[in-house]
PDB file of N, CA and C in Angstrom:
ATOM      1  N   UNK A   1      35.246   8.488  24.726  1.00  0.00           N
ATOM      2  CA  UNK A   1      36.375   9.340  24.437  1.00  0.00           C
ATOM      3  C   UNK A   1      36.350   9.735  22.964  1.00  0.00           C
ATOM      4  N   UNK A   2      36.667  10.986  22.709  1.00  0.00           N
ATOM      5  CA  UNK A   2      36.708  11.487  21.345  1.00  0.00           C
ATOM      6  C   UNK A   2      38.082  11.299  20.723  1.00  0.00           C
ATOM      7  N   UNK A   3      38.197  11.833  19.538  1.00  0.00           N
ATOM      8  CA  UNK A   3      39.465  11.763  18.809  1.00  0.00           C
ATOM      9  C   UNK A   3      40.438  12.801  19.367  1.00  0.00           C
ATOM     10  N   UNK A   4      41.699  12.416  19.494  1.00  0.00           N
ATOM     11  CA  UNK A   4      42.727  13.352  19.950  1.00  0.00           C
ATOM     12  C   UNK A   4      43.160  14.215  18.775  1.00  0.00           C
ATOM     13  N   UNK A   5      43.164  15.525  18.988  1.00  0.00           N
ATOM     14  CA  UNK A   5      43.590  16.503  17.990  1.00  0.00           C
ATOM     15  C   UNK A   5      44.858  17.175  18.505  1.00  0.00           C
ATOM     16  N   UNK A   6      45.856  17.272  17.632  1.00  0.00           N
ATOM     17  CA  UNK A   6      47.140  17.877  18.001  1.00  0.00           C
ATOM     18  C   UNK A   6      47.265  19.239  17.331  1.00  0.00           C
ATOM     19  N   UNK A   7      47.652  20.235  18.128  1.00  0.00           N
ATOM     20  CA  UNK A   7      47.807  21.604  17.630  1.00  0.00           C
ATOM     21  C   UNK A   7      49.140  22.177  18.099  1.00  0.00           C
ATOM     22  N   UNK A   8      49.688  23.055  17.275  1.00  0.00           N
ATOM     23  CA  UNK A   8      50.964  23.702  17.597  1.00  0.00           C
ATOM     24  C   UNK A   8      50.722  24.815  18.616  1.00  0.00           C
ATOM     25  N   UNK A   9      51.612  24.910  19.600  1.00  0.00           N
ATOM     26  CA  UNK A   9      51.581  26.037  20.536  1.00  0.00           C
ATOM     27  C   UNK A   9      52.902  26.799  20.422  1.00  0.00           C
ATOM     28  N   UNK A  10      52.887  28.016  20.859  1.00  0.00           N
ATOM     29  CA  UNK A  10      54.065  28.888  20.762  1.00  0.00           C
ATOM     30  C   UNK A  10      54.400  29.452  22.133  1.00  0.00           C
ATOM     31  N   UNK A  11      55.671  29.438  22.461  1.00  0.00           N
ATOM     32  CA  UNK A  11      56.140  30.064  23.692  1.00  0.00           C
ATOM     33  C   UNK A  11      57.334  30.955  23.367  1.00  0.00           C
ATOM     34  N   UNK A  12      57.590  31.913  24.225  1.00  0.00           N
ATOM     35  CA  UNK A  12      58.751  32.777  24.075  1.00  0.00           C
ATOM     36  C   UNK A  12      59.692  32.494  25.231  1.00  0.00           C
ATOM     37  N   UNK A  13      60.922  32.193  24.888  1.00  0.00           N
ATOM     38  CA  UNK A  13      61.940  31.880  25.895  1.00  0.00           C
ATOM     39  C   UNK A  13      62.977  32.989  25.934  1.00  0.00           C
ATOM     40  N   UNK A  14      63.472  33.291  27.115  1.00  0.00           N
ATOM     41  CA  UNK A  14      64.551  34.264  27.251  1.00  0.00           C
ATOM     42  C   UNK A  14      65.845  33.488  27.438  1.00  0.00           C
ATOM     43  N   UNK A  15      66.762  33.711  26.525  1.00  0.00           N
ATOM     44  CA  UNK A  15      68.087  33.111  26.622  1.00  0.00           C
ATOM     45  C   UNK A  15      69.074  34.267  26.694  1.00  0.00           C
ATOM     46  N   UNK A  16      69.564  34.504  27.899  1.00  0.00           N
ATOM     47  CA  UNK A  16      70.399  35.686  28.124  1.00  0.00           C
ATOM     48  C   UNK A  16      69.559  36.928  27.903  1.00  0.00           C
ATOM     49  N   UNK A  17      69.985  37.772  26.992  1.00  0.00           N
ATOM     50  CA  UNK A  17      69.248  38.994  26.663  1.00  0.00           C
ATOM     51  C   UNK A  17      68.295  38.797  25.485  1.00  0.00           C
ATOM     52  N   UNK A  18      68.359  37.631  24.855  1.00  0.00           N
ATOM     53  CA  UNK A  18      67.608  37.386  23.623  1.00  0.00           C
ATOM     54  C   UNK A  18      66.295  36.645  23.907  1.00  0.00           C
ATOM     55  N   UNK A  19      65.223  37.057  23.212  1.00  0.00           N
ATOM     56  CA  UNK A  19      63.945  36.356  23.271  1.00  0.00           C
ATOM     57  C   UNK A  19      63.849  35.450  22.047  1.00  0.00           C
ATOM     58  N   UNK A  20      63.548  34.181  22.274  1.00  0.00           N
ATOM     59  CA  UNK A  20      63.473  33.186  21.215  1.00  0.00           C
ATOM     60  C   UNK A  20      62.072  32.585  21.190  1.00  0.00           C
ATOM     61  N   UNK A  21      61.490  32.486  20.003  1.00  0.00           N
ATOM     62  CA  UNK A  21      60.212  31.789  19.860  1.00  0.00           C
ATOM     63  C   UNK A  21      60.480  30.302  19.720  1.00  0.00           C
ATOM     64  N   UNK A  22      59.689  29.521  20.422  1.00  0.00           N
ATOM     65  CA  UNK A  22      59.794  28.075  20.328  1.00  0.00           C
ATOM     66  C   UNK A  22      58.393  27.503  20.180  1.00  0.00           C
ATOM     67  N   UNK A  23      58.312  26.353  19.544  1.00  0.00           N
ATOM     68  CA  UNK A  23      57.015  25.756  19.234  1.00  0.00           C
ATOM     69  C   UNK A  23      56.907  24.378  19.850  1.00  0.00           C
ATOM     70  N   UNK A  24      55.730  24.061  20.297  1.00  0.00           N
ATOM     71  CA  UNK A  24      55.446  22.773  20.895  1.00  0.00           C
ATOM     72  C   UNK A  24      54.124  22.246  20.355  1.00  0.00           C
ATOM     73  N   UNK A  25      53.646  21.186  20.959  1.00  0.00           N
ATOM     74  CA  UNK A  25      52.401  20.557  20.518  1.00  0.00           C
ATOM     75  C   UNK A  25      51.513  20.321  21.731  1.00  0.00           C
ATOM     76  N   UNK A  26      50.238  20.667  21.568  1.00  0.00           N
ATOM     77  CA  UNK A  26      49.231  20.387  22.579  1.00  0.00           C
ATOM     78  C   UNK A  26      48.287  19.325  22.045  1.00  0.00           C
ATOM     79  N   UNK A  27      47.842  18.440  22.932  1.00  0.00           N
ATOM     80  CA  UNK A  27      46.899  17.380  22.571  1.00  0.00           C
ATOM     81  C   UNK A  27      45.541  17.703  23.193  1.00  0.00           C
ATOM     82  N   UNK A  28      44.517  17.735  22.362  1.00  0.00           N
ATOM     83  CA  UNK A  28      43.163  18.061  22.803  1.00  0.00           C
ATOM     84  C   UNK A  28      42.220  16.898  22.516  1.00  0.00           C
ATOM     85  N   UNK A  29      41.262  16.736  23.400  1.00  0.00           N
ATOM     86  CA  UNK A  29      40.185  15.786  23.172  1.00  0.00           C
ATOM     87  C   UNK A  29      38.902  16.438  23.657  1.00  0.00           C
ATOM     88  N   UNK A  30      37.909  16.481  22.796  1.00  0.00           N
ATOM     89  CA  UNK A  30      36.635  17.144  23.104  1.00  0.00           C
ATOM     90  C   UNK A  30      36.849  18.578  23.588  1.00  0.00           C
ATOM     91  N   UNK A  31      37.823  19.280  22.981  1.00  0.00           N
ATOM     92  CA  UNK A  31      38.086  20.675  23.296  1.00  0.00           C
ATOM     93  C   UNK A  31      38.899  20.912  24.557  1.00  0.00           C
ATOM     94  N   UNK A  32      39.268  19.861  25.260  1.00  0.00           N
ATOM     95  CA  UNK A  32      40.024  19.995  26.506  1.00  0.00           C
ATOM     96  C   UNK A  32      41.478  19.600  26.268  1.00  0.00           C
ATOM     97  N   UNK A  33      42.398  20.461  26.716  1.00  0.00           N
ATOM     98  CA  UNK A  33      43.820  20.146  26.584  1.00  0.00           C
ATOM     99  C   UNK A  33      44.193  19.064  27.594  1.00  0.00           C
ATOM    100  N   UNK A  34      44.677  17.926  27.066  1.00  0.00           N
ATOM    101  CA  UNK A  34      45.023  16.791  27.914  1.00  0.00           C
ATOM    102  C   UNK A  34      46.517  16.675  28.168  1.00  0.00           C
ATOM    103  N   UNK A  35      47.313  17.141  27.232  1.00  0.00           N
ATOM    104  CA  UNK A  35      48.770  17.080  27.385  1.00  0.00           C
ATOM    105  C   UNK A  35      49.379  18.190  26.552  1.00  0.00           C
ATOM    106  N   UNK A  36      50.581  18.595  26.923  1.00  0.00           N
ATOM    107  CA  UNK A  36      51.240  19.699  26.234  1.00  0.00           C
ATOM    108  C   UNK A  36      52.746  19.533  26.358  1.00  0.00           C
ATOM    109  N   UNK A  37      53.420  19.656  25.237  1.00  0.00           N
ATOM    110  CA  UNK A  37      54.877  19.679  25.228  1.00  0.00           C
ATOM    111  C   UNK A  37      55.313  21.019  24.654  1.00  0.00           C
ATOM    112  N   UNK A  38      55.926  21.848  25.473  1.00  0.00           N
ATOM    113  CA  UNK A  38      56.447  23.133  25.021  1.00  0.00           C
ATOM    114  C   UNK A  38      57.891  22.949  24.568  1.00  0.00           C
ATOM    115  N   UNK A  39      58.375  23.909  23.797  1.00  0.00           N
ATOM    116  CA  UNK A  39      59.787  23.974  23.417  1.00  0.00           C
ATOM    117  C   UNK A  39      60.279  22.695  22.731  1.00  0.00           C
ATOM    118  N   UNK A  40      59.493  22.203  21.775  1.00  0.00           N
ATOM    119  CA  UNK A  40      59.917  21.047  20.987  1.00  0.00           C
ATOM    120  C   UNK A  40      61.003  21.466  19.999  1.00  0.00           C
ATOM    121  N   UNK A  41      60.789  22.637  19.348  1.00  0.00           N
ATOM    122  CA  UNK A  41      61.749  23.110  18.344  1.00  0.00           C
ATOM    123  C   UNK A  41      61.499  24.584  18.042  1.00  0.00           C
ATOM    124  N   UNK A  42      62.547  25.309  17.660  1.00  0.00           N
ATOM    125  CA  UNK A  42      62.350  26.687  17.187  1.00  0.00           C
ATOM    126  C   UNK A  42      61.875  26.721  15.731  1.00  0.00           C
ATOM    127  N   UNK A  43      61.777  25.576  15.087  1.00  0.00           N
ATOM    128  CA  UNK A  43      61.367  25.465  13.685  1.00  0.00           C
ATOM    129  C   UNK A  43      59.861  25.200  13.604  1.00  0.00           C
ATOM    130  N   UNK A  44      59.097  26.255  13.360  1.00  0.00           N
ATOM    131  CA  UNK A  44      57.636  26.162  13.332  1.00  0.00           C
ATOM    132  C   UNK A  44      57.143  25.144  12.317  1.00  0.00           C
ATOM    133  N   UNK A  45      57.718  25.147  11.123  1.00  0.00           N
ATOM    134  CA  UNK A  45      57.273  24.233  10.062  1.00  0.00           C
ATOM    135  C   UNK A  45      57.479  22.776  10.482  1.00  0.00           C
ATOM    136  N   UNK A  46      58.614  22.485  11.088  1.00  0.00           N
ATOM    137  CA  UNK A  46      58.895  21.134  11.576  1.00  0.00           C
ATOM    138  C   UNK A  46      57.820  20.672  12.558  1.00  0.00           C
ATOM    139  N   UNK A  47      57.464  21.535  13.511  1.00  0.00           N
ATOM    140  CA  UNK A  47      56.471  21.186  14.529  1.00  0.00           C
ATOM    141  C   UNK A  47      55.078  21.087  13.904  1.00  0.00           C
ATOM    142  N   UNK A  48      54.756  21.974  12.965  1.00  0.00           N
ATOM    143  CA  UNK A  48      53.468  21.877  12.264  1.00  0.00           C
ATOM    144  C   UNK A  48      53.367  20.558  11.511  1.00  0.00           C
ATOM    145  N   UNK A  49      54.452  20.143  10.880  1.00  0.00           N
ATOM    146  CA  UNK A  49      54.466  18.864  10.158  1.00  0.00           C
ATOM    147  C   UNK A  49      54.275  17.683  11.115  1.00  0.00           C
ATOM    148  N   UNK A  50      54.897  17.760  12.285  1.00  0.00           N
ATOM    149  CA  UNK A  50      54.710  16.694  13.285  1.00  0.00           C
ATOM    150  C   UNK A  50      53.239  16.601  13.681  1.00  0.00           C
ATOM    151  N   UNK A  51      52.632  17.726  14.012  1.00  0.00           N
ATOM    152  CA  UNK A  51      51.227  17.730  14.427  1.00  0.00           C
ATOM    153  C   UNK A  51      50.333  17.203  13.302  1.00  0.00           C
ATOM    154  N   UNK A  52      50.633  17.561  12.069  1.00  0.00           N
ATOM    155  CA  UNK A  52      49.840  17.085  10.926  1.00  0.00           C
ATOM    156  C   UNK A  52      49.929  15.568  10.794  1.00  0.00           C
ATOM    157  N   UNK A  53      51.123  15.014  10.973  1.00  0.00           N
ATOM    158  CA  UNK A  53      51.291  13.545  10.914  1.00  0.00           C
ATOM    159  C   UNK A  53      50.497  12.889  12.039  1.00  0.00           C
ATOM    160  N   UNK A  54      50.571  13.448  13.229  1.00  0.00           N
ATOM    161  CA  UNK A  54      49.837  12.882  14.372  1.00  0.00           C
ATOM    162  C   UNK A  54      48.340  12.883  14.093  1.00  0.00           C
ATOM    163  N   UNK A  55      47.821  13.979  13.545  1.00  0.00           N
ATOM    164  CA  UNK A  55      46.394  14.068  13.251  1.00  0.00           C
ATOM    165  C   UNK A  55      45.998  13.125  12.117  1.00  0.00           C
ATOM    166  N   UNK A  56      46.810  13.057  11.089  1.00  0.00           N
ATOM    167  CA  UNK A  56      46.503  12.214   9.928  1.00  0.00           C
ATOM    168  C   UNK A  56      46.499  10.723  10.295  1.00  0.00           C
ATOM    169  N   UNK A  57      47.421  10.339  11.174  1.00  0.00           N
ATOM    170  CA  UNK A  57      47.550   8.923  11.532  1.00  0.00           C
ATOM    171  C   UNK A  57      46.714   8.536  12.755  1.00  0.00           C
ATOM    172  N   UNK A  58      46.106   9.518  13.405  1.00  0.00           N
ATOM    173  CA  UNK A  58      45.297   9.226  14.591  1.00  0.00           C
ATOM    174  C   UNK A  58      46.130   8.745  15.771  1.00  0.00           C
ATOM    175  N   UNK A  59      47.292   9.387  15.969  1.00  0.00           N
ATOM    176  CA  UNK A  59      48.204   8.994  17.045  1.00  0.00           C
ATOM    177  C   UNK A  59      47.479   8.964  18.392  1.00  0.00           C
ATOM    178  N   UNK A  60      47.631   7.859  19.095  1.00  0.00           N
ATOM    179  CA  UNK A  60      47.062   7.716  20.431  1.00  0.00           C
ATOM    180  C   UNK A  60      47.833   8.601  21.413  1.00  0.00           C
ATOM    181  N   UNK A  61      47.110   9.221  22.314  1.00  0.00           N
ATOM    182  CA  UNK A  61      47.718  10.076  23.328  1.00  0.00           C
ATOM    183  C   UNK A  61      48.741   9.303  24.167  1.00  0.00           C
ATOM    184  N   UNK A  62      48.542   8.011  24.331  1.00  0.00           N
ATOM    185  CA  UNK A  62      49.454   7.172  25.109  1.00  0.00           C
ATOM    186  C   UNK A  62      50.873   7.226  24.524  1.00  0.00           C
ATOM    187  N   UNK A  63      50.977   7.385  23.214  1.00  0.00           N
ATOM    188  CA  UNK A  63      52.273   7.349  22.541  1.00  0.00           C
ATOM    189  C   UNK A  63      52.832   8.740  22.219  1.00  0.00           C
ATOM    190  N   UNK A  64      52.074   9.781  22.502  1.00  0.00           N
ATOM    191  CA  UNK A  64      52.409  11.153  22.119  1.00  0.00           C
ATOM    192  C   UNK A  64      53.840  11.547  22.482  1.00  0.00           C
ATOM    193  N   UNK A  65      54.193  11.473  23.734  1.00  0.00           N
ATOM    194  CA  UNK A  65      55.508  11.947  24.189  1.00  0.00           C
ATOM    195  C   UNK A  65      56.657  11.118  23.593  1.00  0.00           C
ATOM    196  N   UNK A  66      56.472   9.814  23.540  1.00  0.00           N
ATOM    197  CA  UNK A  66      57.523   8.965  22.961  1.00  0.00           C
ATOM    198  C   UNK A  66      57.739   9.255  21.471  1.00  0.00           C
ATOM    199  N   UNK A  67      56.652   9.457  20.738  1.00  0.00           N
ATOM    200  CA  UNK A  67      56.771   9.706  19.305  1.00  0.00           C
ATOM    201  C   UNK A  67      57.431  11.059  19.050  1.00  0.00           C
ATOM    202  N   UNK A  68      57.082  12.071  19.832  1.00  0.00           N
ATOM    203  CA  UNK A  68      57.744  13.369  19.698  1.00  0.00           C
ATOM    204  C   UNK A  68      59.248  13.192  19.900  1.00  0.00           C
ATOM    205  N   UNK A  69      59.624  12.508  20.955  1.00  0.00           N
ATOM    206  CA  UNK A  69      61.043  12.297  21.252  1.00  0.00           C
ATOM    207  C   UNK A  69      61.729  11.545  20.096  1.00  0.00           C
ATOM    208  N   UNK A  70      61.055  10.530  19.563  1.00  0.00           N
ATOM    209  CA  UNK A  70      61.634   9.742  18.473  1.00  0.00           C
ATOM    210  C   UNK A  70      61.809  10.556  17.189  1.00  0.00           C
ATOM    211  N   UNK A  71      60.977  11.572  16.982  1.00  0.00           N
ATOM    212  CA  UNK A  71      61.037  12.371  15.756  1.00  0.00           C
ATOM    213  C   UNK A  71      62.036  13.523  15.819  1.00  0.00           C
ATOM    214  N   UNK A  72      62.571  13.808  16.984  1.00  0.00           N
ATOM    215  CA  UNK A  72      63.525  14.915  17.098  1.00  0.00           C
ATOM    216  C   UNK A  72      64.839  14.549  16.426  1.00  0.00           C
ATOM    217  N   UNK A  73      65.427  15.536  15.724  1.00  0.00           N
ATOM    218  CA  UNK A  73      66.715  15.261  15.046  1.00  0.00           C
ATOM    219  C   UNK A  73      67.839  15.020  16.037  1.00  0.00           C
TER     220      UNK A  73
END
């Protein structure tokens, strides 16, 4: 198994008549997407910072979803 790499993904959500951009995180290993959390936050910088921490610390995929939940305000 290779190293897990976390990258920001973007989705567009329709809320009533309004389109909202939201950002999530995808987990990749050897170029294959293994897990994905959409709509983590509308704050791109916040989500980019989360992914950077995950990559810097070598977060295990086993803990990915729990850590995202724990980091939400």
